[in-house]
PDB file of N, CA and C in Angstrom:
ATOM      1  N   MET A   1      74.762 178.255 103.367  1.00  0.00           N
ATOM      2  CA  MET A   1      76.245 177.965 103.030  1.00  0.00           C
ATOM      3  C   MET A   1      75.559 176.111 103.834  1.00  0.00           C
ATOM      4  N   ALA A   2      75.398 176.648 104.459  1.00  0.00           N
ATOM      5  CA  ALA A   2      75.435 175.210 105.501  1.00  0.00           C
ATOM      6  C   ALA A   2      74.805 174.005 105.180  1.00  0.00           C
ATOM      7  N   HIS A   3      73.259 174.553 104.701  1.00  0.00           N
ATOM      8  CA  HIS A   3      72.905 173.624 102.805  1.00  0.00           C
ATOM      9  C   HIS A   3      73.122 172.894 102.096  1.00  0.00           C
ATOM     10  N   ARG A   4      74.946 173.630 101.507  1.00  0.00           N
ATOM     11  CA  ARG A   4      74.948 173.077 100.824  1.00  0.00           C
ATOM     12  C   ARG A   4      75.821 172.010 100.850  1.00  0.00           C
ATOM     13  N   ILE A   5      76.247 172.397 102.121  1.00  0.00           N
ATOM     14  CA  ILE A   5      77.753 171.434 102.744  1.00  0.00           C
ATOM     15  C   ILE A   5      77.077 170.052 102.867  1.00  0.00           C
ATOM     16  N   VAL A   6      75.441 170.306 103.460  1.00  0.00           N
ATOM     17  CA  VAL A   6      75.147 168.687 104.002  1.00  0.00           C
ATOM     18  C   VAL A   6      74.971 168.752 102.722  1.00  0.00           C
ATOM     19  N   ALA A   7      74.409 169.025 101.778  1.00  0.00           N
ATOM     20  CA  ALA A   7      73.990 168.655 100.361  1.00  0.00           C
ATOM     21  C   ALA A   7      75.597 167.802  99.328  1.00  0.00           C
ATOM     22  N   GLN A   8      75.882 168.286 100.081  1.00  0.00           N
ATOM     23  CA  GLN A   8      77.460 167.636  99.180  1.00  0.00           C
ATOM     24  C   GLN A   8      77.908 166.175  99.794  1.00  0.00           C
ATOM     25  N   ILE A   9      77.403 166.780 101.120  1.00  0.00           N
ATOM     26  CA  ILE A   9      78.606 165.418 102.688  1.00  0.00           C
ATOM     27  C   ILE A   9      77.381 164.582 101.801  1.00  0.00           C
ATOM     28  N   VAL A  10      75.731 164.479 101.898  1.00  0.00           N
ATOM     29  CA  VAL A  10      74.789 163.442 101.732  1.00  0.00           C
ATOM     30  C   VAL A  10      74.704 163.613 100.215  1.00  0.00           C
ATOM     31  N   LEU A  11      75.343 164.009  99.140  1.00  0.00           N
ATOM     32  CA  LEU A  11      75.848 162.880  97.576  1.00  0.00           C
ATOM     33  C   LEU A  11      77.179 162.336  97.262  1.00  0.00           C
ATOM     34  N   VAL A  12      78.201 163.155  98.459  1.00  0.00           N
ATOM     35  CA  VAL A  12      79.192 161.916  97.912  1.00  0.00           C
ATOM     36  C   VAL A  12      78.886 161.352  98.812  1.00  0.00           C
ATOM     37  N   GLY A  13      78.343 161.067 100.383  1.00  0.00           N
ATOM     38  CA  GLY A  13      78.641 159.343 100.427  1.00  0.00           C
ATOM     39  C   GLY A  13      77.307 158.327  99.843  1.00  0.00           C
ATOM     40  N   SER A  14      76.690 159.197  98.897  1.00  0.00           N
ATOM     41  CA  SER A  14      75.883 158.599  98.382  1.00  0.00           C
ATOM     42  C   SER A  14      75.656 157.338  97.133  1.00  0.00           C
ATOM     43  N   ARG A  15      77.266 158.054  96.780  1.00  0.00           N
ATOM     44  CA  ARG A  15      77.882 157.861  95.224  1.00  0.00           C
ATOM     45  C   ARG A  15      78.971 156.905  95.927  1.00  0.00           C
ATOM     46  N   VAL A  16      79.381 157.237  97.415  1.00  0.00           N
ATOM     47  CA  VAL A  16      80.250 155.928  97.982  1.00  0.00           C
ATOM     48  C   VAL A  16      79.563 155.189  98.208  1.00  0.00           C
ATOM     49  N   LEU A  17      78.930 154.663  98.480  1.00  0.00           N
ATOM     50  CA  LEU A  17      77.498 154.413  99.697  1.00  0.00           C
ATOM     51  C   LEU A  17      76.975 153.328  97.645  1.00  0.00           C
ATOM     52  N   GLY A  18      76.643 153.876  96.574  1.00  0.00           N
ATOM     53  CA  GLY A  18      76.299 153.175  96.216  1.00  0.00           C
ATOM     54  C   GLY A  18      78.102 152.398  95.047  1.00  0.00           C
ATOM     55  N   ARG A  19      79.272 153.213  95.033  1.00  0.00           N
ATOM     56  CA  ARG A  19      80.255 152.048  94.723  1.00  0.00           C
ATOM     57  C   ARG A  19      80.056 150.522  95.658  1.00  0.00           C
ATOM     58  N   ALA A  20      80.147 150.608  96.258  1.00  0.00           N
ATOM     59  CA  ALA A  20      80.141 149.810  97.531  1.00  0.00           C
ATOM     60  C   ALA A  20      79.612 148.550  98.072  1.00  0.00           C
ATOM     61  N   PHE A  21      78.297 149.451  97.011  1.00  0.00           N
ATOM     62  CA  PHE A  21      77.143 147.787  97.049  1.00  0.00           C
ATOM     63  C   PHE A  21      77.191 147.524  95.498  1.00  0.00           C
ATOM     64  N   VAL A  22      77.204 148.562  94.529  1.00  0.00           N
ATOM     65  CA  VAL A  22      77.908 147.476  93.552  1.00  0.00           C
ATOM     66  C   VAL A  22      78.724 146.460  93.235  1.00  0.00           C
ATOM     67  N   GLU A  23      80.138 146.357  94.290  1.00  0.00           N
ATOM     68  CA  GLU A  23      80.832 145.919  94.331  1.00  0.00           C
ATOM     69  C   GLU A  23      80.800 145.060  94.294  1.00  0.00           C
ATOM     70  N   ALA A  24      80.091 145.168  96.308  1.00  0.00           N
ATOM     71  CA  ALA A  24      79.823 144.180  97.018  1.00  0.00           C
ATOM     72  C   ALA A  24      78.974 143.134  96.074  1.00  0.00           C
ATOM     73  N   TYR A  25      78.319 143.528  94.711  1.00  0.00           N
ATOM     74  CA  TYR A  25      77.346 142.709  93.625  1.00  0.00           C
ATOM     75  C   TYR A  25      78.317 141.971  93.272  1.00  0.00           C
ATOM     76  N   ARG A  26      78.851 142.500  92.847  1.00  0.00           N
ATOM     77  CA  ARG A  26      80.239 141.629  91.910  1.00  0.00           C
ATOM     78  C   ARG A  26      81.014 140.750  93.068  1.00  0.00           C
ATOM     79  N   GLN A  27      81.483 140.376  94.382  1.00  0.00           N
ATOM     80  CA  GLN A  27      81.888 139.485  94.770  1.00  0.00           C
ATOM     81  C   GLN A  27      80.997 138.910  94.718  1.00  0.00           C
ATOM     82  N   ALA A  28      79.769 139.558  95.315  1.00  0.00           N
ATOM     83  CA  ALA A  28      78.640 137.914  96.013  1.00  0.00           C
ATOM     84  C   ALA A  28      78.411 137.309  94.013  1.00  0.00           C
ATOM     85  N   GLN A  29      78.367 137.815  92.773  1.00  0.00           N
ATOM     86  CA  GLN A  29      78.342 136.945  92.208  1.00  0.00           C
ATOM     87  C   GLN A  29      79.176 135.912  91.438  1.00  0.00           C
ATOM     88  N   ALA A  30      80.605 136.921  91.761  1.00  0.00           N
ATOM     89  CA  ALA A  30      81.978 135.872  90.929  1.00  0.00           C
ATOM     90  C   ALA A  30      82.064 135.054  92.363  1.00  0.00           C
ATOM     91  N   SER A  31      81.793 134.567  93.664  1.00  0.00           N
ATOM     92  CA  SER A  31      81.692 134.008  95.344  1.00  0.00           C
ATOM     93  C   SER A  31      80.261 133.056  95.436  1.00  0.00           C
ATOM     94  N   ALA A  32      79.556 133.428  94.132  1.00  0.00           N
ATOM     95  CA  ALA A  32      78.398 132.350  93.525  1.00  0.00           C
ATOM     96  C   ALA A  32      78.815 131.473  93.084  1.00  0.00           C
ATOM     97  N   LYS A  33      79.928 132.202  91.655  1.00  0.00           N
ATOM     98  CA  LYS A  33      79.942 131.009  90.479  1.00  0.00           C
ATOM     99  C   LYS A  33      80.869 130.212  90.358  1.00  0.00           C
ATOM    100  N   TYR A  34      81.220 131.483  91.702  1.00  0.00           N
ATOM    101  CA  TYR A  34      83.072 129.669  92.620  1.00  0.00           C
ATOM    102  C   TYR A  34      82.552 128.267  92.872  1.00  0.00           C
ATOM    103  N   ALA A  35      81.842 128.777  93.900  1.00  0.00           N
ATOM    104  CA  ALA A  35      80.538 127.659  94.397  1.00  0.00           C
ATOM    105  C   ALA A  35      80.642 126.938  93.350  1.00  0.00           C
ATOM    106  N   LYS A  36      79.387 127.099  92.249  1.00  0.00           N
ATOM    107  CA  LYS A  36      78.673 126.379  91.816  1.00  0.00           C
ATOM    108  C   LYS A  36      79.744 125.932  91.012  1.00  0.00           C
ATOM    109  N   ALA A  37      80.754 126.079  90.640  1.00  0.00           N
ATOM    110  CA  ALA A  37      81.378 124.970  90.374  1.00  0.00           C
ATOM    111  C   ALA A  37      82.139 124.103  90.613  1.00  0.00           C
ATOM    112  N   ALA A  38      82.211 124.582  92.247  1.00  0.00           N
ATOM    113  CA  ALA A  38      83.591 124.613  93.149  1.00  0.00           C
ATOM    114  C   ALA A  38      82.863 122.365  93.126  1.00  0.00           C
ATOM    115  N   GLN A  39      81.041 122.962  93.670  1.00  0.00           N
ATOM    116  CA  GLN A  39      80.459 121.924  93.221  1.00  0.00           C
ATOM    117  C   GLN A  39      79.697 121.222  92.543  1.00  0.00           C
ATOM    118  N   ALA A  40      80.117 121.264  91.198  1.00  0.00           N
ATOM    119  CA  ALA A  40      80.548 120.455  90.354  1.00  0.00           C
ATOM    120  C   ALA A  40      81.539 120.283  90.642  1.00  0.00           C
ATOM    121  N   GLY A  41      82.457 120.461  90.953  1.00  0.00           N
ATOM    122  CA  GLY A  41      83.766 119.849  91.107  1.00  0.00           C
ATOM    123  C   GLY A  41      84.760 119.971  90.260  1.00  0.00           C
ATOM    124  N   THR A  42      84.683 121.459  88.761  1.00  0.00           N
ATOM    125  CA  THR A  42      85.382 121.867  88.283  1.00  0.00           C
ATOM    126  C   THR A  42      86.121 123.537  88.587  1.00  0.00           C
ATOM    127  N   VAL A  43      86.658 124.004  88.621  1.00  0.00           N
ATOM    128  CA  VAL A  43      87.016 125.851  88.984  1.00  0.00           C
ATOM    129  C   VAL A  43      88.215 125.638  86.987  1.00  0.00           C
ATOM    130  N   SER A  44      87.378 126.968  86.764  1.00  0.00           N
ATOM    131  CA  SER A  44      87.495 128.200  85.535  1.00  0.00           C
ATOM    132  C   SER A  44      88.745 127.180  85.023  1.00  0.00           C
ATOM    133  N   GLY A  45      89.891 127.091  83.704  1.00  0.00           N
ATOM    134  CA  GLY A  45      90.694 126.432  83.580  1.00  0.00           C
ATOM    135  C   GLY A  45      90.441 124.760  83.222  1.00  0.00           C
ATOM    136  N   GLY A  46      89.302 123.538  84.140  1.00  0.00           N
ATOM    137  CA  GLY A  46      89.306 122.917  83.911  1.00  0.00           C
ATOM    138  C   GLY A  46      89.738 122.662  85.060  1.00  0.00           C
ATOM    139  N   THR A  47      90.520 122.395  85.912  1.00  0.00           N
ATOM    140  CA  THR A  47      91.092 122.123  87.278  1.00  0.00           C
ATOM    141  C   THR A  47      90.289 121.264  88.307  1.00  0.00           C
ATOM    142  N   THR A  48      90.405 120.289  88.949  1.00  0.00           N
ATOM    143  CA  THR A  48      89.585 119.505  89.499  1.00  0.00           C
ATOM    144  C   THR A  48      89.679 119.904  90.448  1.00  0.00           C
ATOM    145  N   ILE A  49      88.207 120.587  91.288  1.00  0.00           N
ATOM    146  CA  ILE A  49      88.674 120.318  93.201  1.00  0.00           C
ATOM    147  C   ILE A  49      88.046 119.363  94.016  1.00  0.00           C
ATOM    148  N   ASN A  50      88.757 119.128  95.035  1.00  0.00           N
ATOM    149  CA  ASN A  50      87.765 118.136  96.404  1.00  0.00           C
ATOM    150  C   ASN A  50      86.890 119.142  96.333  1.00  0.00           C
ATOM    151  N   VAL A  51      85.909 118.750  96.536  1.00  0.00           N
ATOM    152  CA  VAL A  51      84.525 119.467  97.195  1.00  0.00           C
ATOM    153  C   VAL A  51      84.680 120.005  98.176  1.00  0.00           C
ATOM    154  N   ARG A  52      84.664 119.080  99.083  1.00  0.00           N
ATOM    155  CA  ARG A  52      85.632 118.436 101.317  1.00  0.00           C
ATOM    156  C   ARG A  52      85.614 119.912 101.619  1.00  0.00           C
ATOM    157  N   GLY A  53      87.161 119.422 101.236  1.00  0.00           N
ATOM    158  CA  GLY A  53      88.306 121.321 100.673  1.00  0.00           C
ATOM    159  C   GLY A  53      88.440 122.042 100.572  1.00  0.00           C
ATOM    160  N   GLY A  54      87.957 121.824  98.987  1.00  0.00           N
ATOM    161  CA  GLY A  54      87.776 122.885  98.032  1.00  0.00           C
ATOM    162  C   GLY A  54      90.152 122.921  98.200  1.00  0.00           C
ATOM    163  N   LEU A  55      90.663 121.569  97.648  1.00  0.00           N
ATOM    164  CA  LEU A  55      91.786 122.081  97.358  1.00  0.00           C
ATOM    165  C   LEU A  55      92.456 120.713  96.125  1.00  0.00           C
ATOM    166  N   THR A  56      92.980 121.685  94.878  1.00  0.00           N
ATOM    167  CA  THR A  56      93.350 121.532  94.275  1.00  0.00           C
ATOM    168  C   THR A  56      94.209 120.405  94.233  1.00  0.00           C
ATOM    169  N   LEU A  57      94.593 119.733  93.201  1.00  0.00           N
ATOM    170  CA  LEU A  57      95.496 118.978  92.380  1.00  0.00           C
ATOM    171  C   LEU A  57      96.799 119.867  93.464  1.00  0.00           C
ATOM    172  N   ASP A  58      97.144 121.167  92.711  1.00  0.00           N
ATOM    173  CA  ASP A  58      97.954 122.444  92.564  1.00  0.00           C
ATOM    174  C   ASP A  58      98.016 121.788  93.604  1.00  0.00           C
ATOM    175  N   GLU A  59      97.424 122.212  94.430  1.00  0.00           N
ATOM    176  CA  GLU A  59      97.399 123.111  95.965  1.00  0.00           C
ATOM    177  C   GLU A  59      97.806 122.585  96.648  1.00  0.00           C
ATOM    178  N   ALA A  60      97.582 121.147  96.633  1.00  0.00           N
ATOM    179  CA  ALA A  60      98.254 119.675  97.166  1.00  0.00           C
ATOM    180  C   ALA A  60      99.270 119.790  97.277  1.00  0.00           C
ATOM    181  N   TYR A  61      99.609 119.520  96.022  1.00  0.00           N
ATOM    182  CA  TYR A  61     101.254 118.894  95.536  1.00  0.00           C
ATOM    183  C   TYR A  61     102.445 120.522  96.315  1.00  0.00           C
ATOM    184  N   LYS A  62     101.793 122.012  96.393  1.00  0.00           N
ATOM    185  CA  LYS A  62     102.588 122.698  97.274  1.00  0.00           C
ATOM    186  C   LYS A  62     102.373 122.411  98.659  1.00  0.00           C
ATOM    187  N   ILE A  63     101.086 122.258  99.275  1.00  0.00           N
ATOM    188  CA  ILE A  63     101.470 121.885 100.765  1.00  0.00           C
ATOM    189  C   ILE A  63     102.662 120.811 100.688  1.00  0.00           C
ATOM    190  N   LEU A  64     102.526 120.340  99.927  1.00  0.00           N
ATOM    191  CA  LEU A  64     102.903 119.552 100.609  1.00  0.00           C
ATOM    192  C   LEU A  64     104.198 118.890 100.475  1.00  0.00           C
ATOM    193  N   ASN A  65     105.090 119.908  99.297  1.00  0.00           N
ATOM    194  CA  ASN A  65     106.080 120.333  99.285  1.00  0.00           C
ATOM    195  C   ASN A  65     106.723 118.384  98.606  1.00  0.00           C
ATOM    196  N   VAL A  66     105.264 117.779  97.083  1.00  0.00           N
ATOM    197  CA  VAL A  66     106.091 116.567  96.329  1.00  0.00           C
ATOM    198  C   VAL A  66     105.356 117.126  95.380  1.00  0.00           C
ATOM    199  N   LYS A  67     106.243 116.763  94.344  1.00  0.00           N
ATOM    200  CA  LYS A  67     106.262 116.538  93.094  1.00  0.00           C
ATOM    201  C   LYS A  67     104.917 115.568  92.636  1.00  0.00           C
ATOM    202  N   PRO A  68     104.433 116.697  91.349  1.00  0.00           N
ATOM    203  CA  PRO A  68     103.279 115.083  90.191  1.00  0.00           C
ATOM    204  C   PRO A  68     104.671 114.306  89.642  1.00  0.00           C
ATOM    205  N   SER A  69     104.137 113.091  90.138  1.00  0.00           N
ATOM    206  CA  SER A  69     104.837 112.143  89.183  1.00  0.00           C
ATOM    207  C   SER A  69     104.680 111.605  87.482  1.00  0.00           C
ATOM    208  N   THR A  70     105.606 111.433  87.078  1.00  0.00           N
ATOM    209  CA  THR A  70     105.430 111.010  85.302  1.00  0.00           C
ATOM    210  C   THR A  70     104.233 109.872  85.156  1.00  0.00           C
ATOM    211  N   GLU A  71     105.699 109.150  86.200  1.00  0.00           N
ATOM    212  CA  GLU A  71     106.039 107.813  85.806  1.00  0.00           C
ATOM    213  C   GLU A  71     104.596 106.616  85.517  1.00  0.00           C
ATOM    214  N   VAL A  72     104.197 105.595  85.263  1.00  0.00           N
ATOM    215  CA  VAL A  72     103.604 105.074  85.433  1.00  0.00           C
ATOM    216  C   VAL A  72     102.978 104.605  86.851  1.00  0.00           C
ATOM    217  N   GLY A  73     103.155 104.032  87.640  1.00  0.00           N
ATOM    218  CA  GLY A  73     103.278 104.362  89.226  1.00  0.00           C
ATOM    219  C   GLY A  73     102.628 104.931  89.688  1.00  0.00           C
ATOM    220  N   GLY A  74     102.699 106.807  88.988  1.00  0.00           N
ATOM    221  CA  GLY A  74     102.461 107.488  89.633  1.00  0.00           C
ATOM    222  C   GLY A  74     102.948 107.778  90.796  1.00  0.00           C
ATOM    223  N   LEU A  75     102.009 108.440  91.762  1.00  0.00           N
ATOM    224  CA  LEU A  75     102.627 109.464  93.157  1.00  0.00           C
ATOM    225  C   LEU A  75     102.198 107.836  94.035  1.00  0.00           C
ATOM    226  N   SER A  76     103.768 108.016  95.512  1.00  0.00           N
ATOM    227  CA  SER A  76     102.995 106.914  95.632  1.00  0.00           C
ATOM    228  C   SER A  76     102.554 107.365  97.497  1.00  0.00           C
ATOM    229  N   THR A  77     101.365 105.897  97.667  1.00  0.00           N
ATOM    230  CA  THR A  77     101.120 106.494  98.998  1.00  0.00           C
ATOM    231  C   THR A  77     102.367 106.881 100.682  1.00  0.00           C
ATOM    232  N   GLU A  78     103.032 106.344 100.466  1.00  0.00           N
ATOM    233  CA  GLU A  78     104.150 106.376 101.042  1.00  0.00           C
ATOM    234  C   GLU A  78     105.476 107.753 101.247  1.00  0.00           C
ATOM    235  N   SER A  79     105.331 108.461  99.849  1.00  0.00           N
ATOM    236  CA  SER A  79     105.638 109.834 100.054  1.00  0.00           C
ATOM    237  C   SER A  79     104.697 110.026 100.614  1.00  0.00           C
ATOM    238  N   VAL A  80     103.676 110.677  99.725  1.00  0.00           N
ATOM    239  CA  VAL A  80     102.716 111.211 100.324  1.00  0.00           C
ATOM    240  C   VAL A  80     101.902 111.614 102.104  1.00  0.00           C
ATOM    241  N   ALA A  81     102.380 109.591 102.905  1.00  0.00           N
ATOM    242  CA  ALA A  81     102.287 109.679 104.120  1.00  0.00           C
ATOM    243  C   ALA A  81     103.003 110.360 104.754  1.00  0.00           C
ATOM    244  N   GLU A  82     105.030 110.032 104.622  1.00  0.00           N
ATOM    245  CA  GLU A  82     105.546 110.825 105.243  1.00  0.00           C
ATOM    246  C   GLU A  82     106.276 112.495 105.562  1.00  0.00           C
ATOM    247  N   ARG A  83     105.301 112.760 103.448  1.00  0.00           N
ATOM    248  CA  ARG A  83     105.626 114.001 104.039  1.00  0.00           C
ATOM    249  C   ARG A  83     104.363 114.705 105.322  1.00  0.00           C
ATOM    250  N   TYR A  84     103.013 113.835 105.257  1.00  0.00           N
ATOM    251  CA  TYR A  84     102.422 114.871 106.415  1.00  0.00           C
ATOM    252  C   TYR A  84     102.486 114.873 107.240  1.00  0.00           C
ATOM    253  N   LYS A  85     103.364 113.783 107.334  1.00  0.00           N
ATOM    254  CA  LYS A  85     104.202 113.087 108.586  1.00  0.00           C
ATOM    255  C   LYS A  85     104.381 113.897 109.061  1.00  0.00           C
ATOM    256  N   ALA A  86     105.513 114.483 108.466  1.00  0.00           N
ATOM    257  CA  ALA A  86     106.592 115.387 108.666  1.00  0.00           C
ATOM    258  C   ALA A  86     106.357 117.099 109.441  1.00  0.00           C
ATOM    259  N   LEU A  87     105.721 116.885 107.785  1.00  0.00           N
ATOM    260  CA  LEU A  87     104.760 118.380 108.112  1.00  0.00           C
ATOM    261  C   LEU A  87     103.417 118.625 109.343  1.00  0.00           C
ATOM    262  N   PHE A  88     103.439 117.059 109.418  1.00  0.00           N
ATOM    263  CA  PHE A  88     101.723 117.581 111.263  1.00  0.00           C
ATOM    264  C   PHE A  88     101.766 117.879 112.005  1.00  0.00           C
ATOM    265  N   GLU A  89     103.247 116.802 112.250  1.00  0.00           N
ATOM    266  CA  GLU A  89     104.276 117.158 113.612  1.00  0.00           C
ATOM    267  C   GLU A  89     104.410 118.616 113.678  1.00  0.00           C
ATOM    268  N   ARG A  90     105.407 118.599 112.758  1.00  0.00           N
ATOM    269  CA  ARG A  90     105.783 119.985 112.957  1.00  0.00           C
ATOM    270  C   ARG A  90     105.510 121.407 112.738  1.00  0.00           C
ATOM    271  N   ASN A  91     104.270 121.345 112.762  1.00  0.00           N
ATOM    272  CA  ASN A  91     103.133 122.399 113.203  1.00  0.00           C
ATOM    273  C   ASN A  91     101.584 121.838 114.341  1.00  0.00           C
ATOM    274  N   ASP A  92     102.413 121.541 115.475  1.00  0.00           N
ATOM    275  CA  ASP A  92     101.440 120.822 116.030  1.00  0.00           C
ATOM    276  C   ASP A  92     101.229 122.074 116.739  1.00  0.00           C
ATOM    277  N   PRO A  93      99.970 122.498 116.767  1.00  0.00           N
ATOM    278  CA  PRO A  93      99.505 124.107 118.027  1.00  0.00           C
ATOM    279  C   PRO A  93     100.762 122.905 119.555  1.00  0.00           C
ATOM    280  N   LYS A  94     100.278 122.455 119.599  1.00  0.00           N
ATOM    281  CA  LYS A  94     100.421 122.435 121.345  1.00  0.00           C
ATOM    282  C   LYS A  94     101.868 121.415 121.636  1.00  0.00           C
ATOM    283  N   LYS A  95     102.874 122.618 120.340  1.00  0.00           N
ATOM    284  CA  LYS A  95     104.934 122.674 120.316  1.00  0.00           C
ATOM    285  C   LYS A  95     104.687 123.991 119.208  1.00  0.00           C
ATOM    286  N   GLY A  96     103.730 124.598 119.728  1.00  0.00           N
ATOM    287  CA  GLY A  96     103.387 126.667 119.462  1.00  0.00           C
ATOM    288  C   GLY A  96     103.157 126.313 117.402  1.00  0.00           C
ATOM    289  N   GLY A  97     102.863 125.435 116.454  1.00  0.00           N
ATOM    290  CA  GLY A  97     102.469 125.469 115.787  1.00  0.00           C
ATOM    291  C   GLY A  97     100.964 125.812 115.286  1.00  0.00           C
ATOM    292  N   SER A  98     100.409 125.685 114.417  1.00  0.00           N
ATOM    293  CA  SER A  98      99.158 126.483 113.551  1.00  0.00           C
ATOM    294  C   SER A  98      97.928 124.768 113.589  1.00  0.00           C
ATOM    295  N   PHE A  99      97.010 125.375 114.320  1.00  0.00           N
ATOM    296  CA  PHE A  99      95.747 124.269 113.574  1.00  0.00           C
ATOM    297  C   PHE A  99      95.575 124.376 112.344  1.00  0.00           C
ATOM    298  N   TYR A 100      94.981 126.061 112.052  1.00  0.00           N
ATOM    299  CA  TYR A 100      95.198 126.236 110.130  1.00  0.00           C
ATOM    300  C   TYR A 100      95.968 125.600 109.567  1.00  0.00           C
ATOM    301  N   LEU A 101      97.618 125.815 109.403  1.00  0.00           N
ATOM    302  CA  LEU A 101      98.104 124.695 109.283  1.00  0.00           C
ATOM    303  C   LEU A 101      98.020 123.236 108.588  1.00  0.00           C
ATOM    304  N   GLN A 102      98.144 122.268 109.172  1.00  0.00           N
ATOM    305  CA  GLN A 102      97.605 121.768 109.892  1.00  0.00           C
ATOM    306  C   GLN A 102      96.333 121.493 109.518  1.00  0.00           C
ATOM    307  N   SER A 103      95.465 121.846 109.384  1.00  0.00           N
ATOM    308  CA  SER A 103      94.034 121.287 108.963  1.00  0.00           C
ATOM    309  C   SER A 103      94.301 120.948 107.388  1.00  0.00           C
ATOM    310  N   LYS A 104      95.263 121.911 107.268  1.00  0.00           N
ATOM    311  CA  LYS A 104      96.058 122.310 105.202  1.00  0.00           C
ATOM    312  C   LYS A 104      96.346 120.979 104.731  1.00  0.00           C
ATOM    313  N   ILE A 105      97.461 120.727 105.736  1.00  0.00           N
ATOM    314  CA  ILE A 105      98.195 119.724 105.327  1.00  0.00           C
ATOM    315  C   ILE A 105      97.350 118.339 105.174  1.00  0.00           C
ATOM    316  N   TYR A 106      96.697 118.674 106.297  1.00  0.00           N
ATOM    317  CA  TYR A 106      95.451 117.077 105.928  1.00  0.00           C
ATOM    318  C   TYR A 106      94.704 116.917 104.346  1.00  0.00           C
ATOM    319  N   ARG A 107      94.422 117.955 104.432  1.00  0.00           N
ATOM    320  CA  ARG A 107      93.179 118.294 103.794  1.00  0.00           C
ATOM    321  C   ARG A 107      94.036 117.754 101.521  1.00  0.00           C
ATOM    322  N   ALA A 108      95.455 118.525 102.326  1.00  0.00           N
ATOM    323  CA  ALA A 108      96.454 118.086 101.572  1.00  0.00           C
ATOM    324  C   ALA A 108      96.359 116.850 101.261  1.00  0.00           C
ATOM    325  N   ARG A 109      96.463 115.865 102.452  1.00  0.00           N
ATOM    326  CA  ARG A 109      97.415 114.661 101.984  1.00  0.00           C
ATOM    327  C   ARG A 109      96.003 113.632 101.549  1.00  0.00           C
ATOM    328  N   GLU A 110      94.407 113.993 102.338  1.00  0.00           N
ATOM    329  CA  GLU A 110      93.200 113.901 101.875  1.00  0.00           C
ATOM    330  C   GLU A 110      93.686 113.893 100.019  1.00  0.00           C
ATOM    331  N   ARG A 111      93.275 114.791  99.576  1.00  0.00           N
ATOM    332  CA  ARG A 111      93.543 115.467  98.253  1.00  0.00           C
ATOM    333  C   ARG A 111      94.493 114.315  97.718  1.00  0.00           C
ATOM    334  N   LEU A 112      95.536 114.421  97.869  1.00  0.00           N
ATOM    335  CA  LEU A 112      96.297 112.904  96.720  1.00  0.00           C
ATOM    336  C   LEU A 112      96.535 111.735  97.149  1.00  0.00           C
ATOM    337  N   ASP A 113      95.916 111.450  98.057  1.00  0.00           N
ATOM    338  CA  ASP A 113      95.268 110.268  99.034  1.00  0.00           C
ATOM    339  C   ASP A 113      94.904 110.071  97.523  1.00  0.00           C
ATOM    340  N   GLN A 114      93.402 110.483  97.368  1.00  0.00           N
ATOM    341  CA  GLN A 114      91.912 110.244  96.678  1.00  0.00           C
ATOM    342  C   GLN A 114      92.210 110.297  94.936  1.00  0.00           C
ATOM    343  N   GLU A 115      93.677 111.288  94.188  1.00  0.00           N
ATOM    344  CA  GLU A 115      93.809 111.200  93.303  1.00  0.00           C
ATOM    345  C   GLU A 115      94.862 110.220  93.075  1.00  0.00           C
ATOM    346  N   ILE A 116      95.960 109.716  94.141  1.00  0.00           N
ATOM    347  CA  ILE A 116      96.457 108.184  94.096  1.00  0.00           C
ATOM    348  C   ILE A 116      95.624 107.061  94.180  1.00  0.00           C
ATOM    349  N   LYS A 117      94.104 107.700  94.617  1.00  0.00           N
ATOM    350  CA  LYS A 117      92.930 106.035  93.910  1.00  0.00           C
ATOM    351  C   LYS A 117      92.515 106.141  93.038  1.00  0.00           C
ATOM    352  N   ARG A 118      91.570 107.285  92.443  1.00  0.00           N
ATOM    353  CA  ARG A 118      91.234 106.991  91.304  1.00  0.00           C
ATOM    354  C   ARG A 118      92.507 107.230  90.118  1.00  0.00           C
ATOM    355  N   THR A 119      93.535 107.203  90.625  1.00  0.00           N
ATOM    356  CA  THR A 119      94.581 106.966  89.542  1.00  0.00           C
ATOM    357  C   THR A 119      94.670 105.439  89.279  1.00  0.00           C
ATOM    358  N   ALA A 120      95.256 104.845  90.858  1.00  0.00           N
ATOM    359  CA  ALA A 120      95.068 103.449  90.287  1.00  0.00           C
ATOM    360  C   ALA A 120      93.582 102.643  90.108  1.00  0.00           C
ATOM    361  N   GLU A 121      92.548 103.037  90.084  1.00  0.00           N
ATOM    362  CA  GLU A 121      91.395 102.400  89.963  1.00  0.00           C
ATOM    363  C   GLU A 121      91.761 102.333  88.677  1.00  0.00           C
ATOM    364  N   LYS A 122      91.418 103.978  87.696  1.00  0.00           N
ATOM    365  CA  LYS A 122      92.034 104.034  86.642  1.00  0.00           C
ATOM    366  C   LYS A 122      92.714 102.953  85.712  1.00  0.00           C
ATOM    367  N   ALA A 123      94.163 102.803  86.074  1.00  0.00           N
ATOM    368  CA  ALA A 123      95.170 102.149  85.367  1.00  0.00           C
ATOM    369  C   ALA A 123      94.180 100.151  85.819  1.00  0.00           C
ATOM    370  N   LYS A 124      93.826 100.109  86.038  1.00  0.00           N
ATOM    371  CA  LYS A 124      93.477  98.493  86.933  1.00  0.00           C
ATOM    372  C   LYS A 124      92.196  98.758  85.951  1.00  0.00           C
ATOM    373  N   THR A 125      91.565  99.381  86.088  1.00  0.00           N
ATOM    374  CA  THR A 125      90.442  99.111  84.440  1.00  0.00           C
ATOM    375  C   THR A 125      91.343  99.416  83.308  1.00  0.00           C
ATOM    376  N   ALA A 126      92.424  99.824  82.759  1.00  0.00           N
ATOM    377  CA  ALA A 126      92.661  99.930  81.776  1.00  0.00           C
ATOM    378  C   ALA A 126      93.671  98.818  81.641  1.00  0.00           C
ATOM    379  N   GLU A 127      93.684  97.411  81.893  1.00  0.00           N
ATOM    380  CA  GLU A 127      94.538  96.853  82.387  1.00  0.00           C
ATOM    381  C   GLU A 127      93.165  95.793  80.769  1.00  0.00           C
ATOM    382  N   PRO A 128      93.836  94.812  80.739  1.00  0.00           N
ATOM    383  CA  PRO A 128      93.166  93.957  79.293  1.00  0.00           C
ATOM    384  C   PRO A 128      93.300  92.772  80.281  1.00  0.00           C
TER     385      PRO A 128
END
């Protein structure tokens, strides 16, 4: 009787471990696929990301709470700098804030500045 119980425990345990390994393998494949796309600079759906910070443009807009501009001039560096300064100071670890949030804010500003620069270069080359 005891050998049956031990055999059942071993079988159930091996099933559980087998499923866990299969799921871990699937997650590792998905992670590798995402990392490869990040290295190339795009994620599914064609959204461009910043390889260094790993933020999409949409995430950067949401973090700094600025709206993408549809005007010819686009998003201004001043509005991004204002939001950055306010949020960065509010999340200062010395004042009880979070270093993690501060770093996200910094990366969002970095990403938006990069986008502003890219847009300005595009506009400059498009002019005759």
